[in-house]
Amino acid sequence: MIVTLTLNPALDITYSVAELKAGTTHRPRVYAQAGGKGVNVSRTLHALGRETVAVLPLGGFDGEAVRAELEASGVPHHAIPIAGATRRTVTVVEGSGLATGFNESGPEVSADEWAEICAAVGSLLETAVLDGAPVLVLSGKLPRGVADDAYAELIALADGFGVPTILDTEGAPLLAALAAHPAIVKPNAHELLDATGMSDSRAAAAELLERGARAVVSSNGPDGLTALTSEGSWSARPPRIEGGNPTGAGDASVAALAVGLVDGSPWLELLADAAALSAATVLTDRAGVFDAEAYERFRFAISAHPED
């Protein structure tokens, strides 16, 4: 089982328009669904037929809407009630593929609520270990009220069960988590450089590896993915895609990385699959949804290669 944790989930609203024009009225196609990076990962895994459960704190009116949508879509989930109100995000996607986002900051999580979240994750991991080959995916920014070392605490918790972790976050929480030795960290290129203060992506990835990450997978949009481990470096570039919606493409690649860890896939295969699934997600209107036909086509068309 692949357990995902989204500490700052949202009710995602996507408006699809031909072109966004300031100061005018639009009549968009509208999609509303449970969101947050870990939720997107679980939604993708569920569509792939993989066993997963999305753990997330929920509160308020929009929290109930998130819960209802997850139930309707069949995505397995474990909600922890909190006093604060779940946030909303609004993304306006133009026909050209340009996406404009409006992301609320989200609620504060209390110390007691944090303890309940950790207990829920621990219980699910204990069960997942019995089922075999579990992975814990930790995605997104931390909510207010949670310390920067929160992800480090969860990685240590998973390590106690022998469960590898994939971490997709940025800034201080990313750096604080490295000493706990996550199996994979997956910043995008900007987050990688910002976290280290460096100007060279390869050197920045090596720095995260030196600080404790087992592997660093960095994404750079249409330029694809690069992985760096103590054993070597590999890259995979997806086909050029015109238009589409890049929102959630990084979460799709995390889903593929989680599947690769469960299956024990070699890096060449794992990275190519992540690039293919990410590209197939860009072709859709919403995060957590991918074009299945394109995914199969890309899997045969994309190949990863070692880097010097």
Protein backbone atom coordinates (compact mmCIF):
# COMPACT_ATOMS: atom_id res chain seq x y z
CA MET A 1 0.00 0.00 0.00
CA ILE A 2 1.16 3.54 -0.78
CA VAL A 3 0.14 5.96 1.97
CA THR A 4 0.06 9.64 1.04
CA LEU A 5 -0.11 12.52 3.49
CA THR A 6 -1.42 15.96 2.54
CA LEU A 7 -1.12 18.27 5.53
CA ASN A 8 -2.65 21.29 3.78
CA PRO A 9 -5.36 19.86 1.47
CA ALA A 10 -7.80 21.99 -0.47
CA LEU A 11 -11.00 22.04 -2.43
CA ASP A 12 -9.54 22.56 -5.90
CA ILE A 13 -11.58 24.66 -8.31
CA THR A 14 -10.39 24.67 -11.92
CA TYR A 15 -11.75 27.15 -14.46
CA SER A 16 -11.00 26.30 -18.08
CA VAL A 17 -11.20 29.24 -20.52
CA ALA A 18 -9.97 29.96 -24.02
CA GLU A 19 -8.14 33.06 -22.78
CA LEU A 20 -8.02 34.91 -19.45
CA LYS A 21 -8.76 38.61 -19.96
CA ALA A 22 -8.55 40.96 -16.98
CA GLY A 23 -11.58 43.18 -16.36
CA THR A 24 -13.97 41.02 -18.40
CA THR A 25 -16.55 38.31 -17.67
CA HIS A 26 -15.80 34.68 -18.53
CA ARG A 27 -18.02 31.59 -18.76
CA PRO A 28 -15.59 28.78 -17.97
CA ARG A 29 -15.90 25.04 -17.77
CA VAL A 30 -15.71 24.34 -14.05
CA TYR A 31 -14.28 21.36 -12.17
CA ALA A 32 -14.26 20.95 -8.38
CA GLN A 33 -12.42 18.16 -6.65
CA ALA A 34 -10.41 17.25 -3.55
CA GLY A 35 -6.92 18.61 -3.95
CA GLY A 36 -3.49 18.98 -2.48
CA LYS A 37 -0.33 17.33 -3.73
CA GLY A 38 -0.68 14.06 -1.81
CA VAL A 39 -4.35 13.76 -2.76
CA ASN A 40 -3.35 14.15 -6.41
CA VAL A 41 -0.79 11.37 -5.94
CA SER A 42 -3.39 9.01 -4.43
CA ARG A 43 -5.92 9.88 -7.14
CA THR A 44 -3.36 8.98 -9.80
CA LEU A 45 -2.38 5.77 -8.02
CA HIS A 46 -6.04 4.79 -7.68
CA ALA A 47 -6.52 5.29 -11.42
CA LEU A 48 -3.48 3.07 -12.02
CA GLY A 49 -5.11 0.33 -9.96
CA ARG A 50 -2.60 0.63 -7.12
CA GLU A 51 -3.58 0.24 -3.48
CA THR A 52 -3.37 3.62 -1.77
CA VAL A 53 -4.89 5.70 1.00
CA ALA A 54 -4.83 9.49 1.24
CA VAL A 55 -4.41 10.84 4.78
CA LEU A 56 -5.51 14.43 5.27
CA PRO A 57 -6.81 16.79 7.98
CA LEU A 58 -10.20 18.29 7.10
CA GLY A 59 -12.40 20.95 8.65
CA GLY A 60 -15.27 23.29 7.86
CA PHE A 61 -17.65 23.45 4.92
CA ASP A 62 -14.99 22.94 2.26
CA GLY A 63 -13.52 20.07 4.27
CA GLU A 64 -16.85 18.29 4.01
CA ALA A 65 -16.89 18.99 0.27
CA VAL A 66 -13.43 17.44 -0.05
CA ARG A 67 -14.54 14.37 1.88
CA ALA A 68 -17.68 13.99 -0.24
CA GLU A 69 -15.75 14.26 -3.50
CA LEU A 70 -13.22 11.63 -2.40
CA GLU A 71 -16.03 9.28 -1.47
CA ALA A 72 -17.80 9.89 -4.79
CA SER A 73 -14.63 9.32 -6.79
CA GLY A 74 -13.72 6.18 -4.87
CA VAL A 75 -10.27 7.37 -3.76
CA PRO A 76 -9.51 5.64 -0.43
CA HIS A 77 -8.86 8.18 2.30
CA HIS A 78 -8.49 8.67 6.03
CA ALA A 79 -9.62 12.09 7.26
CA ILE A 80 -8.57 13.61 10.60
CA PRO A 81 -11.06 16.24 11.83
CA ILE A 82 -9.56 19.62 12.70
CA ALA A 83 -11.04 22.83 14.08
CA GLY A 84 -9.81 25.05 11.23
CA ALA A 85 -11.47 25.37 7.84
CA THR A 86 -9.98 23.58 4.82
CA ARG A 87 -8.76 26.02 2.19
CA ARG A 88 -9.68 26.50 -1.45
CA THR A 89 -7.45 26.82 -4.48
CA VAL A 90 -8.59 28.27 -7.80
CA THR A 91 -6.70 27.63 -11.02
CA VAL A 92 -7.61 29.30 -14.30
CA VAL A 93 -6.31 27.28 -17.25
CA GLU A 94 -6.19 28.89 -20.68
CA GLY A 95 -6.31 27.04 -23.97
CA SER A 96 -2.60 27.72 -24.44
CA GLY A 97 -1.86 25.74 -21.27
CA LEU A 98 -1.03 28.81 -19.19
CA ALA A 99 -2.30 28.25 -15.63
CA THR A 100 -2.99 31.07 -13.15
CA GLY A 101 -3.44 29.97 -9.54
CA PHE A 102 -5.02 31.50 -6.44
CA ASN A 103 -4.03 29.46 -3.37
CA GLU A 104 -5.41 30.24 0.08
CA SER A 105 -3.01 29.72 2.99
CA GLY A 106 -5.11 27.17 4.87
CA PRO A 107 -5.89 26.54 8.55
CA GLU A 108 -3.63 26.23 11.58
CA VAL A 109 -3.06 22.74 12.97
CA SER A 110 -2.88 22.44 16.76
CA ALA A 111 -0.44 20.28 18.72
CA ASP A 112 -3.23 17.82 19.59
CA GLU A 113 -4.33 17.62 15.95
CA TRP A 114 -0.73 17.02 14.88
CA ALA A 115 -0.46 14.15 17.36
CA GLU A 116 -3.64 12.62 15.89
CA ILE A 117 -2.21 12.91 12.37
CA CYS A 118 1.01 11.16 13.39
CA ALA A 119 -0.94 8.42 15.16
CA ALA A 120 -3.11 7.86 12.08
CA VAL A 121 -0.07 7.63 9.79
CA GLY A 122 1.63 5.21 12.16
CA SER A 123 -1.45 2.99 12.34
CA LEU A 124 -1.80 2.88 8.56
CA LEU A 125 1.89 2.10 8.08
CA GLU A 126 1.69 -0.73 10.58
CA THR A 127 -1.18 -2.22 8.57
CA ALA A 128 0.57 -1.55 5.26
CA VAL A 129 3.69 -3.41 6.36
CA LEU A 130 1.61 -6.54 6.82
CA ASP A 131 0.36 -6.21 3.23
CA GLY A 132 3.92 -5.89 1.91
CA ALA A 133 6.07 -3.26 0.12
CA PRO A 134 4.56 -0.05 1.56
CA VAL A 135 5.72 3.48 0.75
CA LEU A 136 4.92 6.78 2.49
CA VAL A 137 4.55 9.87 0.32
CA LEU A 138 4.79 13.27 2.04
CA SER A 139 3.68 16.12 -0.19
CA GLY A 140 3.18 19.86 -0.06
CA LYS A 141 3.85 22.78 2.22
CA LEU A 142 3.33 22.52 5.96
CA PRO A 143 0.26 24.16 7.48
CA ARG A 144 0.51 26.88 10.09
CA GLY A 145 1.16 25.59 13.60
CA VAL A 146 3.39 22.70 12.46
CA ALA A 147 7.16 22.93 13.01
CA ASP A 148 9.67 22.85 10.15
CA ASP A 149 10.94 19.45 11.31
CA ALA A 150 7.48 17.84 10.98
CA TYR A 151 8.43 15.87 7.88
CA ALA A 152 11.63 14.70 9.57
CA GLU A 153 9.47 13.35 12.41
CA LEU A 154 7.24 11.46 9.96
CA ILE A 155 10.19 10.04 8.02
CA ALA A 156 11.65 8.75 11.29
CA LEU A 157 8.25 7.26 12.14
CA ALA A 158 8.14 5.46 8.79
CA ASP A 159 11.74 4.30 9.19
CA GLY A 160 10.73 2.60 12.42
CA PHE A 161 8.43 0.39 10.35
CA GLY A 162 11.05 -0.08 7.62
CA VAL A 163 8.97 2.00 5.20
CA PRO A 164 10.74 4.21 2.61
CA THR A 165 9.51 7.76 2.09
CA ILE A 166 9.20 10.13 -0.84
CA LEU A 167 9.24 13.82 0.10
CA ASP A 168 7.91 16.55 -2.19
CA THR A 169 8.22 19.90 -0.44
CA GLU A 170 10.45 22.96 -0.39
CA GLY A 171 12.43 25.40 1.75
CA ALA A 172 13.13 24.86 5.44
CA PRO A 173 10.92 21.74 5.82
CA LEU A 174 12.84 20.08 2.96
CA LEU A 175 16.22 20.88 4.48
CA ALA A 176 15.13 19.84 7.98
CA ALA A 177 13.95 16.46 6.68
CA LEU A 178 17.21 15.45 5.00
CA ALA A 179 18.91 14.22 8.17
CA ALA A 180 16.10 11.65 8.53
CA HIS A 181 17.20 10.12 5.18
CA PRO A 182 14.14 10.10 2.91
CA ALA A 183 14.41 7.55 0.10
CA ILE A 184 13.63 10.19 -2.54
CA VAL A 185 13.21 13.96 -2.40
CA LYS A 186 11.53 15.55 -5.42
CA PRO A 187 11.88 19.31 -5.65
CA ASN A 188 11.40 21.11 -8.92
CA ALA A 189 14.37 22.97 -10.35
CA HIS A 190 13.41 26.29 -8.77
CA GLU A 191 12.83 24.71 -5.34
CA LEU A 192 16.14 22.88 -5.58
CA LEU A 193 18.11 26.06 -6.23
CA ASP A 194 16.12 28.10 -3.73
CA ALA A 195 16.64 25.59 -0.90
CA THR A 196 20.41 25.44 -1.37
CA GLY A 197 21.09 29.01 -2.52
CA MET A 198 23.06 27.60 -5.45
CA SER A 199 22.86 28.44 -9.14
CA ASP A 200 23.76 25.00 -10.53
CA SER A 201 21.11 22.26 -10.37
CA ARG A 202 23.56 19.35 -10.36
CA ALA A 203 25.57 20.86 -7.50
CA ALA A 204 22.37 21.64 -5.59
CA ALA A 205 21.13 18.05 -5.93
CA ALA A 206 24.52 16.79 -4.76
CA GLU A 207 24.20 19.04 -1.71
CA LEU A 208 20.85 17.48 -0.76
CA LEU A 209 22.40 14.05 -1.24
CA GLU A 210 25.30 15.02 1.00
CA ARG A 211 22.86 16.20 3.68
CA GLY A 212 21.11 12.85 3.85
CA ALA A 213 18.68 12.23 0.98
CA ARG A 214 19.08 8.77 -0.57
CA ALA A 215 18.09 10.09 -4.01
CA VAL A 216 17.20 13.48 -5.48
CA VAL A 217 14.77 13.68 -8.40
CA SER A 218 14.39 17.19 -9.78
CA SER A 219 11.77 18.21 -12.32
CA ASN A 220 12.13 21.01 -14.82
CA GLY A 221 8.80 21.16 -16.61
CA PRO A 222 9.08 20.33 -20.33
CA ASP A 223 12.79 19.53 -19.90
CA GLY A 224 11.87 16.45 -17.90
CA LEU A 225 13.34 14.76 -14.84
CA THR A 226 16.84 14.18 -13.49
CA ALA A 227 17.73 11.70 -10.74
CA LEU A 228 20.92 11.74 -8.68
CA THR A 229 21.93 8.98 -6.26
CA SER A 230 25.21 7.73 -4.83
CA GLU A 231 25.25 5.21 -7.69
CA GLY A 232 24.88 7.65 -10.57
CA SER A 233 22.67 10.14 -12.40
CA TRP A 234 19.94 9.67 -15.01
CA SER A 235 17.55 11.91 -16.95
CA ALA A 236 14.36 11.49 -18.99
CA ARG A 237 12.74 14.05 -21.26
CA PRO A 238 9.03 13.84 -22.22
CA PRO A 239 7.75 14.73 -25.69
CA ARG A 240 7.00 18.37 -26.38
CA ILE A 241 3.35 19.13 -25.60
CA GLU A 242 1.50 22.19 -26.84
CA GLY A 243 -1.24 23.46 -24.53
CA GLY A 244 -2.64 21.33 -21.72
CA ASN A 245 -2.56 21.92 -17.99
CA PRO A 246 0.75 21.44 -16.12
CA THR A 247 -0.99 21.52 -12.73
CA GLY A 248 -0.48 18.17 -11.02
CA ALA A 249 2.19 16.92 -13.44
CA GLY A 250 4.75 16.84 -10.65
CA ASP A 251 2.35 14.86 -8.46
CA ALA A 252 1.94 12.32 -11.25
CA SER A 253 5.69 11.85 -11.38
CA VAL A 254 5.71 11.28 -7.61
CA ALA A 255 3.01 8.62 -8.06
CA ALA A 256 5.21 6.88 -10.62
CA LEU A 257 8.23 7.10 -8.31
CA ALA A 258 6.18 5.49 -5.52
CA VAL A 259 5.14 2.66 -7.86
CA GLY A 260 8.79 2.21 -8.82
CA LEU A 261 9.82 1.89 -5.18
CA VAL A 262 7.11 -0.69 -4.53
CA ASP A 263 8.08 -2.69 -7.64
CA GLY A 264 11.83 -2.32 -7.16
CA SER A 265 12.24 -0.82 -10.63
CA PRO A 266 15.72 0.22 -11.86
CA TRP A 267 16.26 3.95 -12.22
CA LEU A 268 16.26 3.94 -16.01
CA GLU A 269 12.80 2.37 -16.04
CA LEU A 270 11.49 4.31 -13.06
CA LEU A 271 12.49 7.74 -14.38
CA ALA A 272 11.12 7.09 -17.88
CA ASP A 273 7.80 5.98 -16.41
CA ALA A 274 7.64 9.10 -14.23
CA ALA A 275 8.25 11.33 -17.25
CA ALA A 276 5.56 9.49 -19.25
CA LEU A 277 2.91 9.72 -16.54
CA SER A 278 3.71 13.39 -15.92
CA ALA A 279 3.35 14.21 -19.63
CA ALA A 280 0.06 12.30 -19.86
CA THR A 281 -1.26 14.40 -16.96
CA VAL A 282 -0.44 17.66 -18.77
CA LEU A 283 -2.86 16.60 -21.52
CA THR A 284 -5.86 16.76 -19.14
CA ASP A 285 -7.79 19.61 -17.56
CA ARG A 286 -7.30 18.63 -13.91
CA ALA A 287 -4.63 17.53 -11.45
CA GLY A 288 -4.66 13.86 -10.53
CA VAL A 289 -6.12 12.84 -13.90
CA PHE A 290 -4.08 11.52 -16.83
CA ASP A 291 -4.70 10.51 -20.44
CA ALA A 292 -4.39 6.71 -20.23
CA GLU A 293 -3.88 6.22 -23.97
CA ALA A 294 -1.15 8.86 -24.10
CA TYR A 295 0.50 7.35 -21.03
CA GLU A 296 0.83 3.97 -22.71
CA ARG A 297 2.16 5.62 -25.86
CA PHE A 298 4.69 7.74 -23.95
CA ARG A 299 5.91 4.73 -21.94
CA PHE A 300 7.22 3.18 -25.15
CA ALA A 301 8.46 6.47 -26.62
CA ILE A 302 10.37 7.85 -23.62
CA SER A 303 13.67 6.40 -22.48
CA ALA A 304 15.94 7.53 -19.67
CA HIS A 305 19.70 7.69 -20.08
CA PRO A 306 22.69 7.97 -17.71
CA GLU A 307 24.29 11.37 -17.32
CA ASP A 308 28.03 12.00 -17.25
